Protein backbone atom coordinates (compact mmCIF):
# COMPACT_ATOMS: atom_id res chain seq x y z
CA MET A 1 -0.01 0.10 -0.12
CA PRO A 2 2.74 2.65 0.58
CA ARG A 3 4.43 2.05 -2.84
CA LEU A 4 0.72 2.76 -4.38
CA THR A 5 0.68 5.72 -2.31
CA VAL A 6 4.06 6.84 -3.21
CA LEU A 7 3.57 5.95 -7.32
CA LEU A 8 0.15 7.79 -6.82
CA ALA A 9 1.51 11.10 -5.26
CA ALA A 10 4.62 10.86 -8.25
CA VAL A 11 1.91 10.86 -10.92
CA LEU A 12 -0.14 13.64 -8.96
CA ALA A 13 3.05 15.47 -8.97
CA CYS A 14 3.54 14.83 -12.61
CA ALA A 15 0.35 16.51 -13.57
CA ALA A 16 0.34 19.36 -11.88
CA GLY A 17 3.99 20.20 -13.47
CA LEU A 18 1.97 19.59 -17.20
CA ALA A 19 -0.73 21.81 -15.81
CA LEU A 20 1.83 24.40 -15.35
CA ALA A 21 4.69 23.69 -17.96
CA GLU A 22 6.50 26.61 -19.30
CA ARG A 23 9.16 26.18 -22.06
CA ALA A 24 11.57 27.73 -23.93
CA PRO A 25 10.91 28.98 -27.60
CA SER A 26 11.87 27.11 -30.20
CA ALA A 27 14.34 29.04 -32.94
CA PRO A 28 11.22 29.42 -35.40
CA GLU A 29 9.13 30.61 -32.61
CA LEU A 30 11.18 33.29 -31.11
CA LYS A 31 11.91 34.45 -34.56
CA SER A 32 8.35 35.02 -35.40
CA LEU A 33 7.54 36.28 -31.85
CA GLU A 34 10.55 38.98 -32.03
CA LYS A 35 9.51 40.12 -35.62
CA ASP A 36 5.56 40.23 -34.43
CA ALA A 37 6.69 41.98 -31.12
CA ALA A 38 8.86 44.31 -32.89
CA ALA A 39 6.04 45.27 -35.12
CA PHE A 40 3.60 45.68 -32.57
CA ALA A 41 6.64 48.10 -30.65
CA ARG A 42 6.90 50.13 -33.55
CA ASN A 43 2.67 50.58 -34.29
CA THR A 44 2.49 51.11 -30.86
CA GLU A 45 5.07 54.35 -31.11
CA LYS A 46 4.08 55.57 -33.90
CA ASN A 47 0.31 55.88 -32.65
CA ARG A 48 -1.24 53.50 -35.53
CA ALA A 49 -3.98 53.27 -33.45
CA ALA A 50 -5.92 50.36 -36.09
CA ARG A 51 -2.70 48.31 -36.18
CA VAL A 52 -2.61 47.96 -32.46
CA ILE A 53 -6.60 46.85 -32.51
CA ASP A 54 -6.06 44.95 -35.14
CA ALA A 55 -2.81 42.93 -32.80
CA LEU A 56 -5.13 42.25 -30.65
CA PRO A 57 -5.24 37.95 -29.33
CA GLU A 58 -8.52 37.11 -31.90
CA ARG A 59 -10.92 35.92 -29.37
CA VAL A 60 -10.98 39.49 -27.75
CA ILE A 61 -13.05 41.59 -29.27
CA PRO A 62 -15.71 38.51 -30.58
CA SER A 63 -15.68 37.81 -26.79
CA VAL A 64 -16.39 41.80 -25.58
CA ALA A 65 -18.99 41.76 -28.16
CA GLN A 66 -21.13 38.94 -27.10
CA GLN A 67 -21.03 39.93 -23.67
CA ALA A 68 -21.85 43.45 -24.73
CA MET A 69 -24.59 42.15 -27.18
CA THR A 70 -22.77 44.78 -29.80
CA PRO A 71 -21.61 43.68 -33.18
CA PRO A 72 -17.52 42.98 -32.92
CA LYS A 73 -17.12 45.85 -36.08
CA LEU A 74 -18.56 48.32 -33.17
CA ILE A 75 -16.37 47.47 -30.62
CA ARG A 76 -13.19 47.16 -33.03
CA ASP A 77 -14.14 50.55 -34.54
CA THR A 78 -15.00 52.09 -30.76
CA LEU A 79 -11.43 50.66 -29.69
CA VAL A 80 -9.56 52.31 -32.47
CA ASP A 81 -10.98 55.11 -32.01
CA GLN A 82 -10.11 55.64 -28.23
CA ALA A 83 -6.52 54.46 -29.28
CA LYS A 84 -6.63 57.65 -31.54
CA ALA A 85 -7.83 59.75 -28.96
CA PHE A 86 -5.09 58.95 -26.34
CA GLY A 87 -3.05 58.76 -28.86
CA ARG A 88 -3.38 63.16 -29.24
CA THR A 89 -2.74 63.45 -25.77
CA SER A 90 0.10 61.08 -25.45
CA LYS A 91 4.00 60.40 -26.95
CA PRO A 92 5.07 57.20 -27.19
CA GLU A 93 9.12 57.21 -27.55
CA ASP A 94 11.54 54.01 -27.81
CA VAL A 95 9.19 51.69 -27.52
CA THR A 96 10.78 48.09 -27.25
CA ALA A 97 9.22 44.68 -26.74
CA ASP A 98 11.68 42.80 -24.59
CA LEU A 99 11.41 38.84 -24.87
CA THR A 100 14.58 38.34 -22.21
CA GLY A 101 13.72 35.17 -20.54
CA VAL A 102 10.36 34.32 -22.28
CA MET A 103 8.66 31.22 -21.27
CA LEU A 104 5.77 30.29 -23.32
CA ASP A 105 3.15 27.37 -22.35
CA ASP A 106 1.19 25.33 -24.33
CA ALA A 107 -2.75 25.65 -23.00
CA GLY A 108 -5.02 23.27 -24.64
CA GLY A 109 -3.56 23.73 -27.95
CA LEU A 110 -2.94 27.22 -28.21
CA THR A 111 0.92 28.71 -27.52
CA TRP A 112 1.32 31.88 -25.64
CA GLY A 113 3.81 33.58 -23.46
CA VAL A 114 4.18 36.91 -21.52
CA VAL A 115 6.62 39.91 -22.95
CA ARG A 116 7.55 43.28 -21.87
CA LEU A 117 6.59 46.35 -23.58
CA LYS A 118 9.10 49.25 -22.57
CA GLY A 119 9.24 52.90 -23.29
CA THR A 120 8.07 56.11 -22.70
CA SER A 121 5.38 58.41 -23.13
CA ILE A 122 4.94 62.42 -22.88
CA PHE A 123 1.73 63.32 -21.30
CA SER A 124 1.03 67.09 -20.89
CA GLY A 125 5.02 67.63 -20.97
CA GLN A 126 5.98 65.26 -18.54
CA ARG A 127 7.84 62.54 -19.56
CA VAL A 128 6.85 58.89 -18.34
CA ARG A 129 8.47 55.52 -18.53
CA PHE A 130 6.21 52.02 -18.92
CA ASP A 131 6.99 48.46 -18.53
CA THR A 132 3.89 46.68 -19.22
CA ALA A 133 2.92 43.22 -19.24
CA THR A 134 1.73 41.86 -22.41
CA ILE A 135 0.48 38.35 -23.41
CA ALA A 136 1.71 37.09 -27.25
CA ILE A 137 -0.50 34.26 -28.34
CA LEU A 138 0.06 32.61 -31.59
CA GLU A 139 -2.84 32.25 -33.76
CA GLY A 140 -2.95 31.47 -37.34
CA GLY A 141 0.77 31.54 -37.63
CA GLU A 142 0.88 35.35 -36.01
CA TRP A 143 1.57 36.74 -32.68
CA HIS A 144 -0.87 38.35 -31.32
CA PHE A 145 -0.66 41.26 -28.39
CA ALA A 146 -2.88 42.57 -25.29
CA ARG A 147 -1.83 44.19 -22.06
CA ILE A 148 -2.20 42.46 -18.76
CA ASP A 149 -1.27 44.79 -16.33
CA THR A 150 -4.67 44.73 -14.25
CA GLN A 151 -6.70 42.36 -12.79
CA ALA A 152 -9.45 43.27 -15.60
CA GLN A 153 -7.57 42.73 -18.28
CA ALA A 154 -6.24 39.26 -17.20
CA ASP A 155 -9.66 38.51 -16.64
CA LEU A 156 -10.70 39.60 -20.23
CA ILE A 157 -7.95 37.45 -21.73
CA ARG A 158 -9.05 34.35 -19.34
CA SER A 159 -12.89 35.03 -20.33
CA ALA A 160 -11.74 34.65 -24.15
CA TYR A 161 -9.27 32.23 -23.61
CA PRO A 162 -10.43 29.97 -20.86
CA GLU A 163 -7.46 27.43 -21.17
CA ILE A 164 -5.11 29.54 -20.15
CA LYS A 165 -5.90 29.27 -16.67
CA GLU A 166 -2.48 30.98 -14.95
CA LEU A 167 -2.79 34.14 -15.97
CA ALA A 168 -1.70 36.92 -13.73
CA PRO A 169 -1.46 40.44 -13.85
CA GLY A 170 1.94 41.89 -14.32
CA ARG A 171 3.41 38.44 -14.77
């Protein structure tokens, strides 16, 4: 009986480890993540609102639209308008995607990880540094990005991607 208990404990420990498994990206994954993250950082710096919104993970806008009982196009257009308005009051500079030590997770067949988007913004003449946790989700051969600095942002991602269980704000 003690052997069975030890064996069961070992199996459960392995299963728990698999549920939270993170891994280093493969060379092709890292190359594509670097390319897409650099484009996202560039679009953020240049205040390209539509491109930034279109880089959101694919299920986010439909999930919000369903919850709000609003057409997805209206949600997207509203987000673009809000991003444009924000861009008129701030000037991002030196925006980079930091992939240092990035680890990926394969949750329910979905590949994702967290990168850092760093830079400065000028608000009303004041220079403000930012360093935001940004989820990167691989869908259709392209990486999609969304900030996850707050509980609400992380909850939004978890709502659209229930297979992502271990996502904490700022992770």
